[in-house]
Amino acid sequence: MDIQSAQRAKDALNTCYEISQILDTGLDKDSLSILISLIEAGVNPEALAAVVLELRREAAALKAATQKQRTAQPQTAQQASN
């Protein structure tokens, strides 16, 4: 890739990132870059969006379960000492 092509790619990524920020997608530049690369490689954008949404749901559920577990542990320890 020559310097001009690299600069155009960087500019395009920056523009996509700005749009992403305006739309409040929650994607960082690295994630956005990976998603763009996957789409350019032929991955269906709608399928990719579905995967991203599912991963977010699973991450949120895991975070909630972890927090619930952490709040339950002090109570269990307190009950054991009584």
Protein backbone atom coordinates (compact mmCIF):
# COMPACT_ATOMS: atom_id res chain seq x y z
CA MET A 1 0.00 0.00 0.00
CA ASP A 2 1.46 3.33 -1.01
CA ILE A 3 1.47 6.40 1.21
CA GLN A 4 -1.54 8.02 -0.49
CA SER A 5 -3.63 4.86 -0.20
CA ALA A 6 -2.68 4.49 3.44
CA GLN A 7 -3.66 8.11 4.11
CA ARG A 8 -7.01 7.66 2.32
CA ALA A 9 -7.69 4.52 4.36
CA LYS A 10 -6.82 6.36 7.57
CA ASP A 11 -9.07 9.29 6.59
CA ALA A 12 -11.91 6.91 5.75
CA LEU A 13 -11.55 5.17 9.11
CA ASN A 14 -11.53 8.51 10.92
CA THR A 15 -14.69 9.57 9.07
CA CYS A 16 -16.40 6.27 9.88
CA TYR A 17 -15.34 6.66 13.51
CA GLU A 18 -16.80 10.17 13.68
CA ILE A 19 -20.10 8.88 12.26
CA SER A 20 -19.95 6.01 14.74
CA GLN A 21 -19.54 8.49 17.59
CA ILE A 22 -22.45 10.63 16.37
CA LEU A 23 -24.64 7.52 16.19
CA ASP A 24 -23.41 6.46 19.66
CA THR A 25 -22.49 2.93 18.54
CA GLY A 26 -20.04 2.41 21.39
CA LEU A 27 -17.40 1.10 18.97
CA ASP A 28 -13.79 2.11 19.41
CA LYS A 29 -11.52 2.69 16.40
CA ASP A 30 -9.92 -0.74 16.60
CA SER A 31 -13.27 -2.53 16.68
CA LEU A 32 -14.60 -0.37 13.87
CA SER A 33 -11.50 -1.09 11.80
CA ILE A 34 -11.96 -4.84 12.30
CA LEU A 35 -15.63 -4.64 11.35
CA ILE A 36 -14.83 -2.64 8.20
CA SER A 37 -12.17 -5.19 7.24
CA LEU A 38 -14.62 -8.05 7.70
CA ILE A 39 -17.21 -6.31 5.53
CA GLU A 40 -14.58 -5.61 2.86
CA ALA A 41 -13.69 -9.32 2.99
CA GLY A 42 -17.29 -10.20 2.14
CA VAL A 43 -18.95 -10.78 5.51
CA ASN A 44 -22.64 -9.89 5.44
CA PRO A 45 -23.02 -6.55 7.31
CA GLU A 46 -26.41 -7.49 8.76
CA ALA A 47 -25.06 -10.78 10.08
CA LEU A 48 -22.06 -8.96 11.51
CA ALA A 49 -24.33 -6.44 13.24
CA ALA A 50 -26.36 -9.31 14.73
CA VAL A 51 -23.17 -10.90 16.07
CA VAL A 52 -22.03 -7.60 17.63
CA LEU A 53 -25.41 -7.14 19.30
CA GLU A 54 -25.40 -10.71 20.63
CA LEU A 55 -21.88 -10.31 21.99
CA ARG A 56 -22.94 -7.12 23.76
CA ARG A 57 -25.95 -8.90 25.29
CA GLU A 58 -23.79 -11.76 26.49
CA ALA A 59 -21.19 -9.38 27.91
CA ALA A 60 -23.90 -7.45 29.78
CA ALA A 61 -25.39 -10.67 31.15
CA LEU A 62 -21.96 -11.89 32.26
CA LYS A 63 -21.23 -8.55 33.91
CA ALA A 64 -24.57 -8.62 35.73
CA ALA A 65 -23.99 -12.20 36.91
CA THR A 66 -20.50 -11.32 38.12
CA GLN A 67 -21.78 -8.28 40.02
CA LYS A 68 -24.57 -10.34 41.55
CA GLN A 69 -22.05 -12.95 42.62
CA ARG A 70 -19.80 -10.32 44.18
CA THR A 71 -22.63 -8.78 46.17
CA ALA A 72 -23.76 -12.23 47.36
CA GLN A 73 -20.29 -13.27 48.57
CA PRO A 74 -19.99 -10.78 51.45
CA GLN A 75 -23.44 -11.79 52.70
CA THR A 76 -22.48 -15.47 52.56
CA ALA A 77 -19.24 -14.80 54.43
CA GLN A 78 -21.12 -12.74 57.01
CA GLN A 79 -23.70 -15.49 57.49
CA ALA A 80 -20.94 -18.10 57.94
CA SER A 81 -19.34 -16.08 60.74
CA ASN A 82 -22.62 -15.84 62.67
